[in-house]
PDB file of N, CA and C in Angstrom:
ATOM      1  N   MET A   1     -35.611-116.706 -49.903  1.00  0.00           N
ATOM      2  CA  MET A   1     -36.381-115.534 -49.550  1.00  0.00           C
ATOM      3  C   MET A   1     -35.476-114.429 -49.018  1.00  0.00           C
ATOM      4  N   LEU A   2     -34.530-114.807 -48.161  1.00  0.00           N
ATOM      5  CA  LEU A   2     -33.609-113.834 -47.591  1.00  0.00           C
ATOM      6  C   LEU A   2     -32.701-113.234 -48.666  1.00  0.00           C
ATOM      7  N   LYS A   3     -32.382-114.047 -49.653  1.00  0.00           N
ATOM      8  CA  LYS A   3     -31.553-113.551 -50.753  1.00  0.00           C
ATOM      9  C   LYS A   3     -32.304-112.491 -51.553  1.00  0.00           C
ATOM     10  N   LYS A   4     -33.592-112.677 -51.779  1.00  0.00           N
ATOM     11  CA  LYS A   4     -34.392-111.699 -52.510  1.00  0.00           C
ATOM     12  C   LYS A   4     -34.467-110.377 -51.751  1.00  0.00           C
ATOM     13  N   ILE A   5     -34.631-110.467 -50.431  1.00  0.00           N
ATOM     14  CA  ILE A   5     -34.689-109.260 -49.611  1.00  0.00           C
ATOM     15  C   ILE A   5     -33.353-108.537 -49.641  1.00  0.00           C
ATOM     16  N   ALA A   6     -32.262-109.289 -49.538  1.00  0.00           N
ATOM     17  CA  ALA A   6     -30.929-108.680 -49.548  1.00  0.00           C
ATOM     18  C   ALA A   6     -30.646-108.001 -50.887  1.00  0.00           C
ATOM     19  N   ILE A   7     -31.030-108.637 -51.982  1.00  0.00           N
ATOM     20  CA  ILE A   7     -30.818-108.038 -53.300  1.00  0.00           C
ATOM     21  C   ILE A   7     -31.626-106.755 -53.436  1.00  0.00           C
ATOM     22  N   THR A   8     -32.859-106.773 -53.002  1.00  0.00           N
ATOM     23  CA  THR A   8     -33.720-105.596 -53.118  1.00  0.00           C
ATOM     24  C   THR A   8     -33.204-104.440 -52.253  1.00  0.00           C
ATOM     25  N   VAL A   9     -32.810-104.745 -51.024  1.00  0.00           N
ATOM     26  CA  VAL A   9     -32.307-103.702 -50.124  1.00  0.00           C
ATOM     27  C   VAL A   9     -31.001-103.112 -50.661  1.00  0.00           C
ATOM     28  N   CYS A  10     -30.120-103.961 -51.144  1.00  0.00           N
ATOM     29  CA  CYS A  10     -28.841-103.470 -51.671  1.00  0.00           C
ATOM     30  C   CYS A  10     -29.034-102.603 -52.912  1.00  0.00           C
ATOM     31  N   THR A  11     -29.926-103.001 -53.799  1.00  0.00           N
ATOM     32  CA  THR A  11     -30.146-102.184 -54.990  1.00  0.00           C
ATOM     33  C   THR A  11     -30.829-100.865 -54.632  1.00  0.00           C
ATOM     34  N   MET A  12     -31.694-100.885 -53.622  1.00  0.00           N
ATOM     35  CA  MET A  12     -32.298 -99.618 -53.188  1.00  0.00           C
ATOM     36  C   MET A  12     -31.251 -98.688 -52.584  1.00  0.00           C
ATOM     37  N   LEU A  13     -30.337 -99.224 -51.783  1.00  0.00           N
ATOM     38  CA  LEU A  13     -29.281 -98.399 -51.201  1.00  0.00           C
ATOM     39  C   LEU A  13     -28.342 -97.853 -52.266  1.00  0.00           C
ATOM     40  N   LEU A  14     -27.979 -98.691 -53.215  1.00  0.00           N
ATOM     41  CA  LEU A  14     -27.124 -98.220 -54.303  1.00  0.00           C
ATOM     42  C   LEU A  14     -27.829 -97.160 -55.142  1.00  0.00           C
ATOM     43  N   GLY A  15     -29.107 -97.352 -55.386  1.00  0.00           N
ATOM     44  CA  GLY A  15     -29.877 -96.363 -56.126  1.00  0.00           C
ATOM     45  C   GLY A  15     -29.982 -95.044 -55.380  1.00  0.00           C
ATOM     46  N   ALA A  16     -30.166 -95.101 -54.066  1.00  0.00           N
ATOM     47  CA  ALA A  16     -30.259 -93.879 -53.265  1.00  0.00           C
ATOM     48  C   ALA A  16     -28.927 -93.136 -53.253  1.00  0.00           C
ATOM     49  N   CYS A  17     -27.833 -93.856 -53.124  1.00  0.00           N
ATOM     50  CA  CYS A  17     -26.511 -93.208 -53.150  1.00  0.00           C
ATOM     51  C   CYS A  17     -26.220 -92.615 -54.517  1.00  0.00           C
ATOM     52  N   GLY A  18     -26.531 -93.352 -55.559  1.00  0.00           N
ATOM     53  CA  GLY A  18     -26.329 -92.829 -56.910  1.00  0.00           C
ATOM     54  C   GLY A  18     -27.220 -91.633 -57.197  1.00  0.00           C
ATOM     55  N   GLY A  19     -28.455 -91.688 -56.736  1.00  0.00           N
ATOM     56  CA  GLY A  19     -29.375 -90.572 -56.944  1.00  0.00           C
ATOM     57  C   GLY A  19     -28.940 -89.317 -56.212  1.00  0.00           C
ATOM     58  N   SER A  20     -28.430 -89.475 -54.991  1.00  0.00           N
ATOM     59  CA  SER A  20     -27.947 -88.299 -54.259  1.00  0.00           C
ATOM     60  C   SER A  20     -26.715 -87.712 -54.931  1.00  0.00           C
ATOM     61  N   ALA A  21     -25.855 -88.568 -55.468  1.00  0.00           N
ATOM     62  CA  ALA A  21     -24.682 -88.067 -56.192  1.00  0.00           C
ATOM     63  C   ALA A  21     -25.089 -87.308 -57.447  1.00  0.00           C
ATOM     64  N   VAL A  22     -26.084 -87.812 -58.153  1.00  0.00           N
ATOM     65  CA  VAL A  22     -26.570 -87.122 -59.349  1.00  0.00           C
ATOM     66  C   VAL A  22     -27.213 -85.790 -58.970  1.00  0.00           C
ATOM     67  N   GLY A  23     -27.976 -85.758 -57.880  1.00  0.00           N
ATOM     68  CA  GLY A  23     -28.566 -84.502 -57.417  1.00  0.00           C
ATOM     69  C   GLY A  23     -27.512 -83.475 -57.066  1.00  0.00           C
ATOM     70  N   TRP A  24     -26.444 -83.919 -56.385  1.00  0.00           N
ATOM     71  CA  TRP A  24     -25.355 -83.006 -56.053  1.00  0.00           C
ATOM     72  C   TRP A  24     -24.662 -82.503 -57.317  1.00  0.00           C
ATOM     73  N   LEU A  25     -24.439 -83.392 -58.277  1.00  0.00           N
ATOM     74  CA  LEU A  25     -23.785 -82.980 -59.521  1.00  0.00           C
ATOM     75  C   LEU A  25     -24.622 -81.980 -60.299  1.00  0.00           C
ATOM     76  N   ILE A  26     -25.925 -82.150 -60.297  1.00  0.00           N
ATOM     77  CA  ILE A  26     -26.801 -81.186 -60.976  1.00  0.00           C
ATOM     78  C   ILE A  26     -26.719 -79.828 -60.290  1.00  0.00           C
ATOM     79  N   GLY A  27     -26.743 -79.818 -58.962  1.00  0.00           N
ATOM     80  CA  GLY A  27     -26.617 -78.561 -58.222  1.00  0.00           C
ATOM     81  C   GLY A  27     -25.276 -77.894 -58.451  1.00  0.00           C
ATOM     82  N   ARG A  28     -24.228 -78.677 -58.473  1.00  0.00           N
ATOM     83  CA  ARG A  28     -22.885 -78.128 -58.720  1.00  0.00           C
ATOM     84  C   ARG A  28     -22.775 -77.569 -60.131  1.00  0.00           C
ATOM     85  N   THR A  29     -23.389 -78.234 -61.092  1.00  0.00           N
ATOM     86  CA  THR A  29     -23.381 -77.747 -62.468  1.00  0.00           C
ATOM     87  C   THR A  29     -24.141 -76.433 -62.581  1.00  0.00           C
ATOM     88  N   ILE A  30     -25.279 -76.341 -61.915  1.00  0.00           N
ATOM     89  CA  ILE A  30     -26.043 -75.091 -61.928  1.00  0.00           C
ATOM     90  C   ILE A  30     -25.206 -73.963 -61.336  1.00  0.00           C
ATOM     91  N   TYR A  31     -24.538 -74.231 -60.224  1.00  0.00           N
ATOM     92  CA  TYR A  31     -23.703 -73.209 -59.597  1.00  0.00           C
ATOM     93  C   TYR A  31     -22.565 -72.798 -60.518  1.00  0.00           C
ATOM     94  N   PHE A  32     -21.941 -73.769 -61.157  1.00  0.00           N
ATOM     95  CA  PHE A  32     -20.835 -73.459 -62.052  1.00  0.00           C
ATOM     96  C   PHE A  32     -21.295 -72.605 -63.223  1.00  0.00           C
ATOM     97  N   LEU A  33     -22.429 -72.963 -63.823  1.00  0.00           N
ATOM     98  CA  LEU A  33     -22.894 -72.230 -65.001  1.00  0.00           C
ATOM     99  C   LEU A  33     -23.437 -70.844 -64.667  1.00  0.00           C
ATOM    100  N   LEU A  34     -24.048 -70.682 -63.489  1.00  0.00           N
ATOM    101  CA  LEU A  34     -24.653 -69.394 -63.157  1.00  0.00           C
ATOM    102  C   LEU A  34     -23.731 -68.461 -62.381  1.00  0.00           C
ATOM    103  N   ALA A  35     -22.814 -69.003 -61.591  1.00  0.00           N
ATOM    104  CA  ALA A  35     -22.009 -68.138 -60.734  1.00  0.00           C
ATOM    105  C   ALA A  35     -20.529 -68.130 -61.111  1.00  0.00           C
ATOM    106  N   GLU A  36     -19.934 -69.293 -61.285  1.00  0.00           N
ATOM    107  CA  GLU A  36     -18.492 -69.335 -61.488  1.00  0.00           C
ATOM    108  C   GLU A  36     -18.064 -68.976 -62.905  1.00  0.00           C
ATOM    109  N   LEU A  37     -18.713 -69.530 -63.884  1.00  0.00           N
ATOM    110  CA  LEU A  37     -18.284 -69.315 -65.261  1.00  0.00           C
ATOM    111  C   LEU A  37     -18.401 -67.860 -65.710  1.00  0.00           C
ATOM    112  N   PRO A  38     -19.523 -67.176 -65.479  1.00  0.00           N
ATOM    113  CA  PRO A  38     -19.594 -65.777 -65.932  1.00  0.00           C
ATOM    114  C   PRO A  38     -18.670 -64.838 -65.151  1.00  0.00           C
ATOM    115  N   ASN A  39     -18.294 -65.189 -63.930  1.00  0.00           N
ATOM    116  CA  ASN A  39     -17.498 -64.305 -63.073  1.00  0.00           C
ATOM    117  C   ASN A  39     -16.106 -64.852 -62.819  1.00  0.00           C
ATOM    118  N   ARG A  40     -15.544 -65.591 -63.744  1.00  0.00           N
ATOM    119  CA  ARG A  40     -14.273 -66.262 -63.496  1.00  0.00           C
ATOM    120  C   ARG A  40     -13.082 -65.314 -63.446  1.00  0.00           C
ATOM    121  N   ASN A  41     -13.172 -64.114 -64.008  1.00  0.00           N
ATOM    122  CA  ASN A  41     -12.034 -63.198 -64.036  1.00  0.00           C
ATOM    123  C   ASN A  41     -12.072 -62.165 -62.910  1.00  0.00           C
ATOM    124  N   LEU A  42     -12.981 -62.294 -61.980  1.00  0.00           N
ATOM    125  CA  LEU A  42     -13.105 -61.324 -60.897  1.00  0.00           C
ATOM    126  C   LEU A  42     -12.254 -61.723 -59.695  1.00  0.00           C
ATOM    127  N   SER A  43     -11.886 -60.729 -58.900  1.00  0.00           N
ATOM    128  CA  SER A  43     -11.190 -61.019 -57.643  1.00  0.00           C
ATOM    129  C   SER A  43     -12.206 -61.623 -56.663  1.00  0.00           C
ATOM    130  N   PRO A  44     -11.733 -62.239 -55.583  1.00  0.00           N
ATOM    131  CA  PRO A  44     -12.679 -62.852 -54.630  1.00  0.00           C
ATOM    132  C   PRO A  44     -13.692 -61.866 -54.049  1.00  0.00           C
ATOM    133  N   GLU A  45     -13.266 -60.632 -53.788  1.00  0.00           N
ATOM    134  CA  GLU A  45     -14.203 -59.638 -53.251  1.00  0.00           C
ATOM    135  C   GLU A  45     -15.271 -59.275 -54.277  1.00  0.00           C
ATOM    136  N   GLN A  46     -14.838 -59.062 -55.514  1.00  0.00           N
ATOM    137  CA  GLN A  46     -15.787 -58.731 -56.581  1.00  0.00           C
ATOM    138  C   GLN A  46     -16.702 -59.911 -56.891  1.00  0.00           C
ATOM    139  N   PHE A  47     -16.160 -61.115 -56.794  1.00  0.00           N
ATOM    140  CA  PHE A  47     -16.972 -62.311 -57.036  1.00  0.00           C
ATOM    141  C   PHE A  47     -18.089 -62.413 -56.005  1.00  0.00           C
ATOM    142  N   THR A  48     -17.765 -62.138 -54.754  1.00  0.00           N
ATOM    143  CA  THR A  48     -18.770 -62.183 -53.686  1.00  0.00           C
ATOM    144  C   THR A  48     -19.859 -61.143 -53.922  1.00  0.00           C
ATOM    145  N   MET A  49     -19.456 -59.952 -54.352  1.00  0.00           N
ATOM    146  CA  MET A  49     -20.443 -58.906 -54.624  1.00  0.00           C
ATOM    147  C   MET A  49     -21.275 -59.231 -55.865  1.00  0.00           C
ATOM    148  N   ALA A  50     -20.661 -59.834 -56.867  1.00  0.00           N
ATOM    149  CA  ALA A  50     -21.375 -60.117 -58.116  1.00  0.00           C
ATOM    150  C   ALA A  50     -22.396 -61.243 -57.947  1.00  0.00           C
ATOM    151  N   THR A  51     -22.052 -62.255 -57.158  1.00  0.00           N
ATOM    152  CA  THR A  51     -22.994 -63.363 -56.996  1.00  0.00           C
ATOM    153  C   THR A  51     -24.108 -63.011 -56.025  1.00  0.00           C
ATOM    154  N   CYS A  52     -23.846 -62.156 -55.032  1.00  0.00           N
ATOM    155  CA  CYS A  52     -24.863 -61.558 -54.165  1.00  0.00           C
ATOM    156  C   CYS A  52     -25.831 -62.594 -53.579  1.00  0.00           C
ATOM    157  N   GLY A  53     -25.291 -63.597 -52.928  1.00  0.00           N
ATOM    158  CA  GLY A  53     -26.136 -64.592 -52.282  1.00  0.00           C
ATOM    159  C   GLY A  53     -26.606 -65.706 -53.194  1.00  0.00           C
ATOM    160  N   LEU A  54     -26.158 -65.705 -54.434  1.00  0.00           N
ATOM    161  CA  LEU A  54     -26.572 -66.759 -55.367  1.00  0.00           C
ATOM    162  C   LEU A  54     -26.074 -68.123 -54.904  1.00  0.00           C
ATOM    163  N   ASN A  55     -24.866 -68.144 -54.329  1.00  0.00           N
ATOM    164  CA  ASN A  55     -24.329 -69.429 -53.880  1.00  0.00           C
ATOM    165  C   ASN A  55     -25.148 -70.005 -52.726  1.00  0.00           C
ATOM    166  N   LEU A  56     -25.700 -69.165 -51.859  1.00  0.00           N
ATOM    167  CA  LEU A  56     -26.548 -69.669 -50.775  1.00  0.00           C
ATOM    168  C   LEU A  56     -27.851 -70.246 -51.319  1.00  0.00           C
ATOM    169  N   SER A  57     -28.473 -69.554 -52.257  1.00  0.00           N
ATOM    170  CA  SER A  57     -29.746 -70.042 -52.787  1.00  0.00           C
ATOM    171  C   SER A  57     -29.558 -71.320 -53.604  1.00  0.00           C
ATOM    172  N   ILE A  58     -28.480 -71.404 -54.366  1.00  0.00           N
ATOM    173  CA  ILE A  58     -28.227 -72.637 -55.123  1.00  0.00           C
ATOM    174  C   ILE A  58     -27.852 -73.772 -54.167  1.00  0.00           C
ATOM    175  N   GLY A  59     -27.124 -73.449 -53.112  1.00  0.00           N
ATOM    176  CA  GLY A  59     -26.788 -74.464 -52.113  1.00  0.00           C
ATOM    177  C   GLY A  59     -28.023 -75.001 -51.417  1.00  0.00           C
ATOM    178  N   MET A  60     -28.954 -74.116 -51.081  1.00  0.00           N
ATOM    179  CA  MET A  60     -30.192 -74.570 -50.450  1.00  0.00           C
ATOM    180  C   MET A  60     -31.035 -75.388 -51.427  1.00  0.00           C
ATOM    181  N   LEU A  61     -31.081 -74.974 -52.687  1.00  0.00           N
ATOM    182  CA  LEU A  61     -31.794 -75.750 -53.704  1.00  0.00           C
ATOM    183  C   LEU A  61     -31.203 -77.146 -53.818  1.00  0.00           C
ATOM    184  N   THR A  62     -29.885 -77.218 -53.829  1.00  0.00           N
ATOM    185  CA  THR A  62     -29.227 -78.517 -53.947  1.00  0.00           C
ATOM    186  C   THR A  62     -29.488 -79.387 -52.723  1.00  0.00           C
ATOM    187  N   PHE A  63     -29.325 -78.805 -51.527  1.00  0.00           N
ATOM    188  CA  PHE A  63     -29.413 -79.591 -50.298  1.00  0.00           C
ATOM    189  C   PHE A  63     -30.845 -79.990 -49.963  1.00  0.00           C
ATOM    190  N   PHE A  64     -31.806 -79.098 -50.199  1.00  0.00           N
ATOM    191  CA  PHE A  64     -33.181 -79.364 -49.774  1.00  0.00           C
ATOM    192  C   PHE A  64     -34.083 -79.918 -50.876  1.00  0.00           C
ATOM    193  N   VAL A  65     -33.680 -79.806 -52.144  1.00  0.00           N
ATOM    194  CA  VAL A  65     -34.551 -80.266 -53.226  1.00  0.00           C
ATOM    195  C   VAL A  65     -33.874 -81.335 -54.079  1.00  0.00           C
ATOM    196  N   LEU A  66     -32.732 -80.999 -54.674  1.00  0.00           N
ATOM    197  CA  LEU A  66     -32.144 -81.901 -55.670  1.00  0.00           C
ATOM    198  C   LEU A  66     -31.626 -83.206 -55.076  1.00  0.00           C
ATOM    199  N   ILE A  67     -30.928 -83.141 -53.963  1.00  0.00           N
ATOM    200  CA  ILE A  67     -30.409 -84.371 -53.356  1.00  0.00           C
ATOM    201  C   ILE A  67     -31.539 -85.260 -52.831  1.00  0.00           C
ATOM    202  N   PRO A  68     -32.543 -84.736 -52.090  1.00  0.00           N
ATOM    203  CA  PRO A  68     -33.642 -85.626 -51.662  1.00  0.00           C
ATOM    204  C   PRO A  68     -34.443 -86.208 -52.827  1.00  0.00           C
ATOM    205  N   VAL A  69     -34.668 -85.421 -53.874  1.00  0.00           N
ATOM    206  CA  VAL A  69     -35.367 -85.955 -55.045  1.00  0.00           C
ATOM    207  C   VAL A  69     -34.534 -87.053 -55.694  1.00  0.00           C
ATOM    208  N   GLY A  70     -33.232 -86.844 -55.759  1.00  0.00           N
ATOM    209  CA  GLY A  70     -32.350 -87.886 -56.303  1.00  0.00           C
ATOM    210  C   GLY A  70     -32.376 -89.153 -55.476  1.00  0.00           C
ATOM    211  N   ILE A  71     -32.437 -89.010 -54.156  1.00  0.00           N
ATOM    212  CA  ILE A  71     -32.503 -90.185 -53.282  1.00  0.00           C
ATOM    213  C   ILE A  71     -33.798 -90.954 -53.520  1.00  0.00           C
ATOM    214  N   VAL A  72     -34.913 -90.239 -53.611  1.00  0.00           N
ATOM    215  CA  VAL A  72     -36.208 -90.900 -53.813  1.00  0.00           C
ATOM    216  C   VAL A  72     -36.261 -91.594 -55.169  1.00  0.00           C
ATOM    217  N   ILE A  73     -35.883 -90.888 -56.214  1.00  0.00           N
ATOM    218  CA  ILE A  73     -35.934 -91.480 -57.553  1.00  0.00           C
ATOM    219  C   ILE A  73     -34.952 -92.643 -57.672  1.00  0.00           C
ATOM    220  N   GLY A  74     -33.761 -92.491 -57.093  1.00  0.00           N
ATOM    221  CA  GLY A  74     -32.779 -93.574 -57.131  1.00  0.00           C
ATOM    222  C   GLY A  74     -33.229 -94.804 -56.374  1.00  0.00           C
ATOM    223  N   SER A  75     -33.857 -94.604 -55.225  1.00  0.00           N
ATOM    224  CA  SER A  75     -34.313 -95.771 -54.470  1.00  0.00           C
ATOM    225  C   SER A  75     -35.493 -96.455 -55.159  1.00  0.00           C
ATOM    226  N   ILE A  76     -36.364 -95.688 -55.795  1.00  0.00           N
ATOM    227  CA  ILE A  76     -37.459 -96.302 -56.557  1.00  0.00           C
ATOM    228  C   ILE A  76     -36.907 -97.090 -57.739  1.00  0.00           C
ATOM    229  N   ALA A  77     -35.935 -96.506 -58.434  1.00  0.00           N
ATOM    230  CA  ALA A  77     -35.321 -97.232 -59.557  1.00  0.00           C
ATOM    231  C   ALA A  77     -34.589 -98.474 -59.062  1.00  0.00           C
ATOM    232  N   GLY A  78     -33.896 -98.357 -57.933  1.00  0.00           N
ATOM    233  CA  GLY A  78     -33.219 -99.521 -57.358  1.00  0.00           C
ATOM    234  C   GLY A  78     -34.189-100.595 -56.927  1.00  0.00           C
ATOM    235  N   PHE A  79     -35.336-100.180 -56.370  1.00  0.00           N
ATOM    236  CA  PHE A  79     -36.354-101.155 -55.978  1.00  0.00           C
ATOM    237  C   PHE A  79     -36.877-101.895 -57.204  1.00  0.00           C
ATOM    238  N   GLY A  80     -37.156-101.159 -58.268  1.00  0.00           N
ATOM    239  CA  GLY A  80     -37.631-101.801 -59.495  1.00  0.00           C
ATOM    240  C   GLY A  80     -36.606-102.748 -60.077  1.00  0.00           C
ATOM    241  N   PHE A  81     -35.354-102.324 -60.074  1.00  0.00           N
ATOM    242  CA  PHE A  81     -34.291-103.184 -60.596  1.00  0.00           C
ATOM    243  C   PHE A  81     -34.099-104.409 -59.714  1.00  0.00           C
ATOM    244  N   GLY A  82     -34.148-104.220 -58.405  1.00  0.00           N
ATOM    245  CA  GLY A  82     -33.985-105.344 -57.485  1.00  0.00           C
ATOM    246  C   GLY A  82     -35.110-106.350 -57.590  1.00  0.00           C
ATOM    247  N   MET A  83     -36.335-105.870 -57.757  1.00  0.00           N
ATOM    248  CA  MET A  83     -37.463-106.787 -57.904  1.00  0.00           C
ATOM    249  C   MET A  83     -37.375-107.556 -59.220  1.00  0.00           C
ATOM    250  N   ARG A  84     -36.873-106.908 -60.255  1.00  0.00           N
ATOM    251  CA  ARG A  84     -36.693-107.621 -61.535  1.00  0.00           C
ATOM    252  C   ARG A  84     -35.639-108.699 -61.401  1.00  0.00           C
ATOM    253  N   GLN A  85     -34.566-108.429 -60.650  1.00  0.00           N
ATOM    254  CA  GLN A  85     -33.516-109.411 -60.479  1.00  0.00           C
ATOM    255  C   GLN A  85     -33.987-110.609 -59.665  1.00  0.00           C
ATOM    256  N   THR A  86     -34.833-110.364 -58.675  1.00  0.00           N
ATOM    257  CA  THR A  86     -35.307-111.482 -57.858  1.00  0.00           C
ATOM    258  C   THR A  86     -36.323-112.331 -58.603  1.00  0.00           C
ATOM    259  N   ASP A  87     -37.043-111.761 -59.572  1.00  0.00           N
ATOM    260  CA  ASP A  87     -38.011-112.540 -60.347  1.00  0.00           C
ATOM    261  C   ASP A  87     -37.332-113.485 -61.326  1.00  0.00           C
ATOM    262  N   GLU A  88     -36.103-113.147 -61.759  1.00  0.00           N
ATOM    263  CA  GLU A  88     -35.425-113.980 -62.747  1.00  0.00           C
ATOM    264  C   GLU A  88     -34.900-115.271 -62.143  1.00  0.00           C
ATOM    265  N   GLU A  89     -34.652-115.274 -60.858  1.00  0.00           N
ATOM    266  CA  GLU A  89     -34.059-116.467 -60.246  1.00  0.00           C
ATOM    267  C   GLU A  89     -35.091-117.477 -59.842  1.00  0.00           C
TER     268      GLU A  89
END
C-alpha cells in the first residue's frame, strides 16, 4: 500500500515539475517570437522603446497563467500515470 502511495506521489511531483517547465518554455517562446526576433537588430534603448512593456505582460502571463496551468495539468497526468502503474502490480 505504501509503495502505491509513493509511486503516485512521485509521479505527481514529476508531472508538476515537467508541466511548470513546459509552461515556462511556452512563455519564453512567446516572448522570443513577439519581442526578441522582430527587434533583434535594435540597440538596447531602442529595443526597450519598441517592446513598450511587452516583456512585462508576457512575463505576467507566463508566471500567473502558463506555469500554474502546466503544474495542474502535469500533476493530473502524473496522477493518472501513477494510478495506472499501481494497478499493474
